[in-house]
Amino acid sequence: MPIKESAKKYLRQTKKHRILNIARQKAVKDLTKKITKLLAAGQKDEAKNMISAVYKAIDKAAKRGVIKKNTAARKKSRLMALINK
């Protein structure tokens, strides 16, 4: 356990950031799963409507450092490839 006040504060910040980062990761994962399920069910139009929400979640995660920039680009590219397939 931290002893100094600044170390205690950093621990509090780290816990908050961890919770937010996990939430951002989960949002990306859940939305991509929804799109793949829609595509598997043959509902291409609904998947196209959801793509903007997924892009937004991926971009936010990349901006905050939850995932890397190239990883975000790869995820977006693969989703579009799935939709256009």
N, C-alpha and C. Protein backbone atom coordinates (compact mmCIF):
# COMPACT_ATOMS: atom_id res chain seq x y z
N MET A 1 0.84 -1.19 0.00
CA MET A 1 0.00 0.00 0.00
C MET A 1 0.89 1.25 0.00
N PRO A 2 0.42 2.28 -0.70
CA PRO A 2 1.21 3.51 -0.76
C PRO A 2 1.23 4.23 0.59
N ILE A 3 2.31 4.93 0.82
CA ILE A 3 2.48 5.65 2.08
C ILE A 3 2.30 7.15 1.87
N LYS A 4 2.94 7.68 0.83
CA LYS A 4 2.86 9.12 0.57
C LYS A 4 1.48 9.49 0.02
N GLU A 5 1.10 10.75 0.27
CA GLU A 5 -0.21 11.22 -0.20
C GLU A 5 -0.31 11.19 -1.72
N SER A 6 0.76 11.56 -2.40
CA SER A 6 0.72 11.57 -3.87
C SER A 6 0.56 10.15 -4.41
N ALA A 7 1.17 9.19 -3.74
CA ALA A 7 1.05 7.79 -4.17
C ALA A 7 -0.38 7.28 -3.93
N LYS A 8 -0.98 7.73 -2.84
CA LYS A 8 -2.37 7.34 -2.55
C LYS A 8 -3.31 7.91 -3.61
N LYS A 9 -3.06 9.18 -3.97
CA LYS A 9 -3.88 9.81 -4.99
C LYS A 9 -3.72 9.08 -6.33
N TYR A 10 -2.49 8.73 -6.66
CA TYR A 10 -2.24 8.02 -7.92
C TYR A 10 -2.96 6.67 -7.93
N LEU A 11 -3.01 6.00 -6.79
CA LEU A 11 -3.72 4.73 -6.70
C LEU A 11 -5.22 4.92 -6.94
N ARG A 12 -5.78 5.99 -6.36
CA ARG A 12 -7.20 6.29 -6.59
C ARG A 12 -7.46 6.56 -8.07
N GLN A 13 -6.59 7.34 -8.69
CA GLN A 13 -6.75 7.66 -10.11
C GLN A 13 -6.66 6.40 -10.95
N THR A 14 -5.72 5.55 -10.62
CA THR A 14 -5.51 4.33 -11.39
C THR A 14 -6.74 3.43 -11.33
N LYS A 15 -7.36 3.34 -10.17
CA LYS A 15 -8.57 2.52 -10.04
C LYS A 15 -9.70 3.07 -10.91
N LYS A 16 -9.87 4.41 -10.91
CA LYS A 16 -10.91 5.03 -11.73
C LYS A 16 -10.63 4.81 -13.22
N HIS A 17 -9.38 5.03 -13.61
CA HIS A 17 -9.01 4.87 -15.02
C HIS A 17 -9.20 3.43 -15.47
N ARG A 18 -8.89 2.49 -14.61
CA ARG A 18 -9.03 1.08 -14.95
C ARG A 18 -10.49 0.74 -15.24
N ILE A 19 -11.38 1.24 -14.40
CA ILE A 19 -12.81 0.99 -14.59
C ILE A 19 -13.28 1.58 -15.92
N LEU A 20 -12.86 2.83 -16.21
CA LEU A 20 -13.25 3.47 -17.46
C LEU A 20 -12.68 2.74 -18.67
N ASN A 21 -11.42 2.32 -18.57
CA ASN A 21 -10.80 1.61 -19.69
C ASN A 21 -11.48 0.28 -19.97
N ILE A 22 -11.86 -0.43 -18.93
CA ILE A 22 -12.55 -1.71 -19.11
C ILE A 22 -13.91 -1.46 -19.76
N ALA A 23 -14.59 -0.39 -19.35
CA ALA A 23 -15.89 -0.05 -19.93
C ALA A 23 -15.75 0.27 -21.42
N ARG A 24 -14.70 1.01 -21.78
CA ARG A 24 -14.48 1.34 -23.19
C ARG A 24 -14.17 0.09 -24.01
N GLN A 25 -13.34 -0.78 -23.45
CA GLN A 25 -13.02 -2.04 -24.15
C GLN A 25 -14.27 -2.88 -24.34
N LYS A 26 -15.09 -2.94 -23.31
CA LYS A 26 -16.31 -3.75 -23.36
C LYS A 26 -17.29 -3.18 -24.38
N ALA A 27 -17.36 -1.86 -24.48
CA ALA A 27 -18.26 -1.23 -25.45
C ALA A 27 -17.85 -1.62 -26.87
N VAL A 28 -16.55 -1.57 -27.14
CA VAL A 28 -16.06 -1.94 -28.48
C VAL A 28 -16.39 -3.39 -28.77
N LYS A 29 -16.12 -4.24 -27.81
CA LYS A 29 -16.32 -5.68 -28.01
C LYS A 29 -17.80 -6.01 -28.19
N ASP A 30 -18.66 -5.42 -27.36
CA ASP A 30 -20.09 -5.71 -27.44
C ASP A 30 -20.69 -5.25 -28.76
N LEU A 31 -20.30 -4.05 -29.20
CA LEU A 31 -20.85 -3.53 -30.45
C LEU A 31 -20.38 -4.34 -31.66
N THR A 32 -19.12 -4.77 -31.65
CA THR A 32 -18.64 -5.58 -32.77
C THR A 32 -19.35 -6.92 -32.79
N LYS A 33 -19.61 -7.47 -31.62
CA LYS A 33 -20.34 -8.74 -31.56
C LYS A 33 -21.77 -8.58 -32.08
N LYS A 34 -22.40 -7.45 -31.74
CA LYS A 34 -23.76 -7.19 -32.22
C LYS A 34 -23.78 -7.14 -33.75
N ILE A 35 -22.79 -6.47 -34.32
CA ILE A 35 -22.76 -6.36 -35.78
C ILE A 35 -22.52 -7.72 -36.42
N THR A 36 -21.61 -8.51 -35.87
CA THR A 36 -21.36 -9.82 -36.46
C THR A 36 -22.59 -10.71 -36.34
N LYS A 37 -23.34 -10.61 -35.25
CA LYS A 37 -24.56 -11.39 -35.10
C LYS A 37 -25.63 -10.94 -36.09
N LEU A 38 -25.73 -9.63 -36.29
CA LEU A 38 -26.69 -9.12 -37.28
C LEU A 38 -26.34 -9.61 -38.67
N LEU A 39 -25.06 -9.60 -39.00
CA LEU A 39 -24.64 -10.06 -40.32
C LEU A 39 -24.87 -11.56 -40.48
N ALA A 40 -24.66 -12.31 -39.41
CA ALA A 40 -24.90 -13.75 -39.47
C ALA A 40 -26.39 -14.04 -39.65
N ALA A 41 -27.23 -13.16 -39.09
CA ALA A 41 -28.67 -13.33 -39.22
C ALA A 41 -29.19 -12.80 -40.55
N GLY A 42 -28.31 -12.14 -41.31
CA GLY A 42 -28.70 -11.63 -42.61
C GLY A 42 -29.32 -10.25 -42.59
N GLN A 43 -29.13 -9.53 -41.52
CA GLN A 43 -29.70 -8.18 -41.40
C GLN A 43 -28.62 -7.14 -41.70
N LYS A 44 -28.28 -7.04 -42.97
CA LYS A 44 -27.18 -6.18 -43.40
C LYS A 44 -27.49 -4.70 -43.22
N ASP A 45 -28.74 -4.30 -43.45
CA ASP A 45 -29.11 -2.89 -43.33
C ASP A 45 -28.96 -2.38 -41.89
N GLU A 46 -29.40 -3.19 -40.94
CA GLU A 46 -29.27 -2.80 -39.53
C GLU A 46 -27.80 -2.72 -39.12
N ALA A 47 -26.98 -3.62 -39.65
CA ALA A 47 -25.56 -3.60 -39.34
C ALA A 47 -24.92 -2.33 -39.89
N LYS A 48 -25.34 -1.92 -41.10
CA LYS A 48 -24.80 -0.68 -41.67
C LYS A 48 -25.21 0.53 -40.84
N ASN A 49 -26.40 0.50 -40.27
CA ASN A 49 -26.85 1.61 -39.42
C ASN A 49 -26.06 1.68 -38.12
N MET A 50 -25.62 0.54 -37.62
CA MET A 50 -24.88 0.50 -36.35
C MET A 50 -23.41 0.82 -36.51
N ILE A 51 -22.90 0.81 -37.74
CA ILE A 51 -21.45 0.95 -37.94
C ILE A 51 -20.92 2.26 -37.38
N SER A 52 -21.72 3.32 -37.42
CA SER A 52 -21.23 4.61 -36.90
C SER A 52 -21.02 4.55 -35.39
N ALA A 53 -21.87 3.84 -34.69
CA ALA A 53 -21.72 3.70 -33.24
C ALA A 53 -20.46 2.91 -32.90
N VAL A 54 -20.18 1.89 -33.70
CA VAL A 54 -18.99 1.08 -33.46
C VAL A 54 -17.74 1.90 -33.75
N TYR A 55 -17.77 2.65 -34.85
CA TYR A 55 -16.63 3.51 -35.19
C TYR A 55 -16.36 4.51 -34.07
N LYS A 56 -17.43 5.07 -33.53
CA LYS A 56 -17.29 6.05 -32.46
C LYS A 56 -16.63 5.42 -31.23
N ALA A 57 -17.08 4.23 -30.86
CA ALA A 57 -16.52 3.54 -29.69
C ALA A 57 -15.05 3.19 -29.93
N ILE A 58 -14.73 2.72 -31.13
CA ILE A 58 -13.35 2.35 -31.45
C ILE A 58 -12.46 3.58 -31.42
N ASP A 59 -12.93 4.68 -32.02
CA ASP A 59 -12.13 5.90 -32.05
C ASP A 59 -11.90 6.47 -30.65
N LYS A 60 -12.92 6.40 -29.81
CA LYS A 60 -12.76 6.88 -28.43
C LYS A 60 -11.75 6.04 -27.67
N ALA A 61 -11.83 4.73 -27.86
CA ALA A 61 -10.89 3.84 -27.18
C ALA A 61 -9.46 4.12 -27.65
N ALA A 62 -9.29 4.38 -28.93
CA ALA A 62 -7.96 4.66 -29.47
C ALA A 62 -7.46 6.01 -28.97
N LYS A 63 -8.36 6.98 -28.89
CA LYS A 63 -7.98 8.31 -28.44
C LYS A 63 -7.52 8.28 -26.98
N ARG A 64 -8.19 7.49 -26.18
CA ARG A 64 -7.86 7.42 -24.75
C ARG A 64 -6.70 6.47 -24.45
N GLY A 65 -6.24 5.76 -25.45
CA GLY A 65 -5.09 4.88 -25.24
C GLY A 65 -5.47 3.49 -24.77
N VAL A 66 -6.73 3.13 -24.85
CA VAL A 66 -7.17 1.80 -24.44
C VAL A 66 -6.70 0.78 -25.48
N ILE A 67 -6.82 1.14 -26.75
CA ILE A 67 -6.26 0.32 -27.82
C ILE A 67 -5.37 1.21 -28.68
N LYS A 68 -4.45 0.59 -29.40
CA LYS A 68 -3.53 1.36 -30.23
C LYS A 68 -4.22 1.85 -31.49
N LYS A 69 -3.61 2.86 -32.11
CA LYS A 69 -4.18 3.46 -33.32
C LYS A 69 -4.30 2.45 -34.45
N ASN A 70 -3.27 1.64 -34.65
CA ASN A 70 -3.30 0.66 -35.73
C ASN A 70 -4.32 -0.44 -35.45
N THR A 71 -4.47 -0.79 -34.19
CA THR A 71 -5.48 -1.79 -33.82
C THR A 71 -6.87 -1.26 -34.13
N ALA A 72 -7.10 0.01 -33.84
CA ALA A 72 -8.39 0.61 -34.13
C ALA A 72 -8.65 0.60 -35.64
N ALA A 73 -7.65 0.96 -36.41
CA ALA A 73 -7.80 0.98 -37.87
C ALA A 73 -8.08 -0.42 -38.40
N ARG A 74 -7.39 -1.40 -37.84
CA ARG A 74 -7.59 -2.79 -38.29
C ARG A 74 -9.00 -3.27 -37.96
N LYS A 75 -9.49 -2.95 -36.76
CA LYS A 75 -10.84 -3.36 -36.38
C LYS A 75 -11.89 -2.73 -37.31
N LYS A 76 -11.72 -1.45 -37.59
CA LYS A 76 -12.68 -0.76 -38.47
C LYS A 76 -12.64 -1.35 -39.87
N SER A 77 -11.44 -1.63 -40.35
CA SER A 77 -11.29 -2.17 -41.69
C SER A 77 -11.93 -3.55 -41.80
N ARG A 78 -11.72 -4.38 -40.82
CA ARG A 78 -12.29 -5.73 -40.85
C ARG A 78 -13.81 -5.71 -40.74
N LEU A 79 -14.34 -4.78 -39.96
CA LEU A 79 -15.80 -4.66 -39.86
C LEU A 79 -16.39 -4.25 -41.19
N MET A 80 -15.79 -3.29 -41.86
CA MET A 80 -16.31 -2.86 -43.15
C MET A 80 -16.18 -3.98 -44.19
N ALA A 81 -15.10 -4.75 -44.10
CA ALA A 81 -14.93 -5.87 -45.01
C ALA A 81 -16.03 -6.91 -44.80
N LEU A 82 -16.39 -7.13 -43.54
CA LEU A 82 -17.48 -8.06 -43.23
C LEU A 82 -18.81 -7.56 -43.79
N ILE A 83 -19.05 -6.28 -43.63
CA ILE A 83 -20.32 -5.72 -44.11
C ILE A 83 -20.40 -5.75 -45.62
N ASN A 84 -19.30 -5.42 -46.29
CA ASN A 84 -19.28 -5.37 -47.75
C ASN A 84 -19.21 -6.75 -48.39
N LYS A 85 -18.93 -7.76 -47.61
CA LYS A 85 -18.78 -9.13 -48.13
C LYS A 85 -20.09 -9.66 -48.69
